[in-house]
Amino acid sequence: MFVDASEHLTAQQEKEIYDSHENDLADLGYRRFLSRVSEPLLARLEAPSSGLDFGCGPGPLLAKMLKEAGHEVALYDLYYANKPEVLTGQYDFITCTEVIEHIAEPEKVLTQLFSLLKPGAPLVLMTKLVIDRERFRTWHYKNDLTHIAFFSRKTFDYVAQIYDSEVEFIGNDVIVLTKPEVQAAPSEEAL
């Protein structure tokens, strides 16, 4: 499900909202929240490995947590770490936490992120999932004006099929897509 483009905020409006978020690097609650991504990811990695925190925001705590565990992490964020050169590497892992729901063309971003993964590498996303249409109507998550794309488990099952990848759901909001050891090209019809 997508919000109509005519309803999207301007870049300035969007950034003003992001600037108001309180993602403090010293906040233990925020660290605990991000551990839902870091713990399953770290269980899959051998240190040192090289990763990308895509959409890291102004306080890249997840990257800090992964660095503390011995990994290298490049940062990219449209507003806070706009370094296009990091989008040309090959990575052992990519994280994309609380980001994909903000992207107008998620299929293009997912294609780009998959192209940056080494064979066998995980792409770990965090986003709230749509459970059903009835619950969507009263769902608080859709009321955030910066949230313009919404996904369900079926969506990510489909994404996994397109990229010939494995998908694992951890809890209610963590999705791990693992690139196959040998990458098959996505079908033109699927995209």
Protein backbone atom coordinates (compact mmCIF):
# COMPACT_ATOMS: atom_id res chain seq x y z
CA MET A 1 0.00 0.00 0.00
CA PHE A 2 1.24 3.47 -0.86
CA VAL A 3 0.23 7.03 -0.06
CA ASP A 4 -0.62 8.94 -3.24
CA ALA A 5 2.30 11.10 -4.41
CA SER A 6 0.12 14.21 -4.20
CA GLU A 7 0.01 13.67 -0.42
CA HIS A 8 3.78 13.37 0.09
CA LEU A 9 5.56 15.99 2.16
CA THR A 10 8.26 18.18 0.66
CA ALA A 11 11.85 17.28 1.50
CA GLN A 12 12.03 20.27 3.85
CA GLN A 13 8.84 19.26 5.69
CA GLU A 14 10.06 15.70 5.95
CA LYS A 15 13.46 16.71 7.35
CA GLU A 16 11.84 19.01 9.92
CA ILE A 17 9.93 16.03 11.27
CA TYR A 18 13.07 13.86 11.34
CA ASP A 19 14.96 16.64 13.12
CA SER A 20 12.38 16.50 15.91
CA HIS A 21 13.02 12.78 16.61
CA GLU A 22 14.95 12.06 19.78
CA ASN A 23 17.34 9.26 18.85
CA ASP A 24 20.03 9.80 21.48
CA LEU A 25 23.12 7.58 21.25
CA ALA A 26 23.14 7.28 25.07
CA ASP A 27 19.47 6.24 25.32
CA LEU A 28 19.30 2.67 26.65
CA GLY A 29 15.70 2.30 25.46
CA TYR A 30 16.74 3.20 21.91
CA ARG A 31 19.64 0.73 22.14
CA ARG A 32 17.21 -1.98 23.32
CA PHE A 33 14.86 -1.13 20.43
CA LEU A 34 17.70 -1.48 17.89
CA SER A 35 18.95 -4.70 19.50
CA ARG A 36 15.99 -6.38 17.77
CA VAL A 37 18.02 -5.81 14.59
CA SER A 38 21.59 -6.02 15.91
CA GLU A 39 21.27 -9.31 17.80
CA PRO A 40 19.95 -11.47 14.92
CA LEU A 41 22.35 -9.75 12.53
CA LEU A 42 25.40 -10.27 14.74
CA ALA A 43 24.47 -13.96 15.06
CA ARG A 44 24.91 -14.23 11.26
CA LEU A 45 28.20 -12.35 10.96
CA GLU A 46 31.86 -13.12 11.51
CA ALA A 47 33.93 -10.16 12.68
CA PRO A 48 35.27 -8.21 11.06
CA SER A 49 32.78 -7.68 8.30
CA SER A 50 31.80 -4.61 6.34
CA GLY A 51 28.29 -3.24 6.25
CA LEU A 52 26.10 -0.32 5.31
CA ASP A 53 23.56 1.39 7.57
CA PHE A 54 21.16 2.72 4.93
CA GLY A 55 19.01 5.52 6.33
CA CYS A 56 21.13 5.86 9.47
CA GLY A 57 19.54 9.15 10.55
CA PRO A 58 21.25 11.86 12.60
CA GLY A 59 22.22 9.50 15.43
CA PRO A 60 23.58 6.28 13.91
CA LEU A 61 23.33 4.16 17.06
CA LEU A 62 22.87 0.87 15.20
CA ALA A 63 26.14 1.47 13.34
CA LYS A 64 27.81 2.25 16.67
CA MET A 65 26.49 -1.01 18.17
CA LEU A 66 27.79 -3.01 15.20
CA LYS A 67 31.17 -1.25 15.37
CA GLU A 68 31.38 -2.12 19.08
CA ALA A 69 31.06 -5.77 17.98
CA GLY A 70 34.05 -5.41 15.62
CA HIS A 71 32.40 -4.59 12.29
CA GLU A 72 32.99 -1.73 9.88
CA VAL A 73 29.86 0.23 8.99
CA ALA A 74 29.46 2.83 6.26
CA LEU A 75 26.67 5.35 6.72
CA TYR A 76 24.14 6.63 4.22
CA ASP A 77 21.16 8.88 4.78
CA LEU A 78 19.50 11.24 2.33
CA TYR A 79 19.49 14.05 4.90
CA TYR A 80 22.19 13.26 7.48
CA ALA A 81 24.92 11.28 5.69
CA ASN A 82 24.42 11.93 1.99
CA LYS A 83 27.53 10.16 0.72
CA PRO A 84 26.63 8.57 -2.62
CA GLU A 85 30.09 7.01 -2.86
CA VAL A 86 29.11 4.43 -0.21
CA LEU A 87 26.38 3.23 -2.58
CA THR A 88 28.98 1.76 -4.92
CA GLY A 89 30.62 -0.80 -2.61
CA GLN A 90 29.90 -4.42 -1.86
CA TYR A 91 28.83 -5.27 1.67
CA ASP A 92 28.66 -8.27 3.97
CA PHE A 93 25.41 -6.86 5.38
CA ILE A 94 23.06 -3.91 4.99
CA THR A 95 20.66 -2.55 7.59
CA CYS A 96 17.63 -0.45 6.78
CA THR A 97 15.81 0.25 10.03
CA GLU A 98 12.62 2.29 10.10
CA VAL A 99 13.40 3.58 6.58
CA ILE A 100 11.61 1.65 3.84
CA GLU A 101 8.21 3.05 4.86
CA HIS A 102 9.52 6.56 4.09
CA ILE A 103 10.59 5.78 0.51
CA ALA A 104 8.42 6.72 -2.47
CA GLU A 105 9.90 4.06 -4.77
CA PRO A 106 10.89 1.17 -2.51
CA GLU A 107 11.31 -1.27 -5.39
CA LYS A 108 14.14 0.87 -6.82
CA VAL A 109 15.81 1.14 -3.42
CA LEU A 110 15.52 -2.60 -2.77
CA THR A 111 17.04 -3.33 -6.19
CA GLN A 112 19.90 -0.96 -5.38
CA LEU A 113 20.46 -2.47 -1.93
CA PHE A 114 20.45 -6.03 -3.29
CA SER A 115 23.06 -4.97 -5.87
CA LEU A 116 25.32 -3.80 -3.02
CA LEU A 117 25.14 -7.09 -1.11
CA LYS A 118 27.80 -9.74 -1.50
CA PRO A 119 26.49 -13.25 -2.25
CA GLY A 120 25.07 -14.81 0.91
CA ALA A 121 24.80 -11.44 2.68
CA PRO A 122 21.72 -10.32 4.64
CA LEU A 123 19.62 -7.21 4.16
CA VAL A 124 17.96 -6.52 7.52
CA LEU A 125 14.93 -4.26 7.49
CA MET A 126 12.79 -3.00 10.33
CA THR A 127 9.31 -1.69 9.63
CA LYS A 128 5.88 -2.28 11.10
CA LEU A 129 3.91 -4.76 9.01
CA VAL A 130 0.32 -4.45 7.85
CA ILE A 131 -1.66 -7.29 9.37
CA ASP A 132 -4.93 -6.88 7.49
CA ARG A 133 -7.10 -4.21 5.87
CA GLU A 134 -9.46 -3.90 8.83
CA ARG A 135 -6.68 -3.20 11.32
CA PHE A 136 -5.01 -0.83 8.86
CA ARG A 137 -7.95 1.57 9.16
CA THR A 138 -7.24 2.22 12.85
CA TRP A 139 -3.46 1.68 12.74
CA HIS A 140 -1.49 4.55 14.31
CA TYR A 141 1.57 3.84 12.12
CA LYS A 142 -0.14 5.09 8.97
CA ASN A 143 -0.85 8.45 10.61
CA ASP A 144 2.82 9.48 10.52
CA LEU A 145 2.90 11.82 7.50
CA THR A 146 6.40 10.64 6.59
CA HIS A 147 5.19 7.03 6.25
CA ILE A 148 4.21 6.62 2.61
CA ALA A 149 4.72 2.89 1.91
CA PHE A 150 3.33 -0.02 3.90
CA PHE A 151 4.27 -3.67 3.72
CA SER A 152 2.96 -7.03 4.86
CA ARG A 153 4.57 -10.44 5.24
CA LYS A 154 3.16 -11.29 1.81
CA THR A 155 4.97 -8.27 0.37
CA PHE A 156 8.31 -9.47 1.68
CA ASP A 157 7.59 -13.06 0.60
CA TYR A 158 7.11 -11.59 -2.88
CA VAL A 159 10.30 -9.51 -2.61
CA ALA A 160 12.20 -12.65 -1.61
CA GLN A 161 10.80 -14.44 -4.65
CA ILE A 162 11.81 -11.60 -6.99
CA TYR A 163 15.39 -11.61 -5.73
CA ASP A 164 15.58 -15.38 -5.30
CA SER A 165 16.44 -14.75 -1.66
CA GLU A 166 15.54 -16.31 1.66
CA VAL A 167 13.22 -14.35 3.94
CA GLU A 168 12.96 -14.61 7.71
CA PHE A 169 10.58 -12.66 9.93
CA ILE A 170 11.80 -11.93 13.44
CA GLY A 171 9.10 -10.71 15.76
CA ASN A 172 6.56 -8.30 14.32
CA ASP A 173 8.85 -5.86 12.54
CA VAL A 174 12.25 -7.30 11.58
CA ILE A 175 12.72 -8.83 8.15
CA VAL A 176 15.92 -10.54 7.02
CA LEU A 177 16.34 -11.06 3.28
CA THR A 178 19.44 -13.10 2.50
CA LYS A 179 20.94 -12.79 -0.95
CA PRO A 180 21.63 -16.18 -2.49
CA GLU A 181 25.20 -17.38 -2.89
CA VAL A 182 24.66 -17.26 -6.66
CA GLN A 183 22.46 -14.33 -7.67
CA ALA A 184 19.78 -14.88 -10.28
CA ALA A 185 18.67 -11.72 -12.09
CA PRO A 186 15.21 -10.49 -11.08
CA SER A 187 12.65 -11.17 -13.76
CA GLU A 188 11.49 -8.16 -15.78
CA GLU A 189 7.86 -9.21 -15.30
CA ALA A 190 8.24 -9.32 -11.52
CA LEU A 191 9.47 -5.75 -11.30
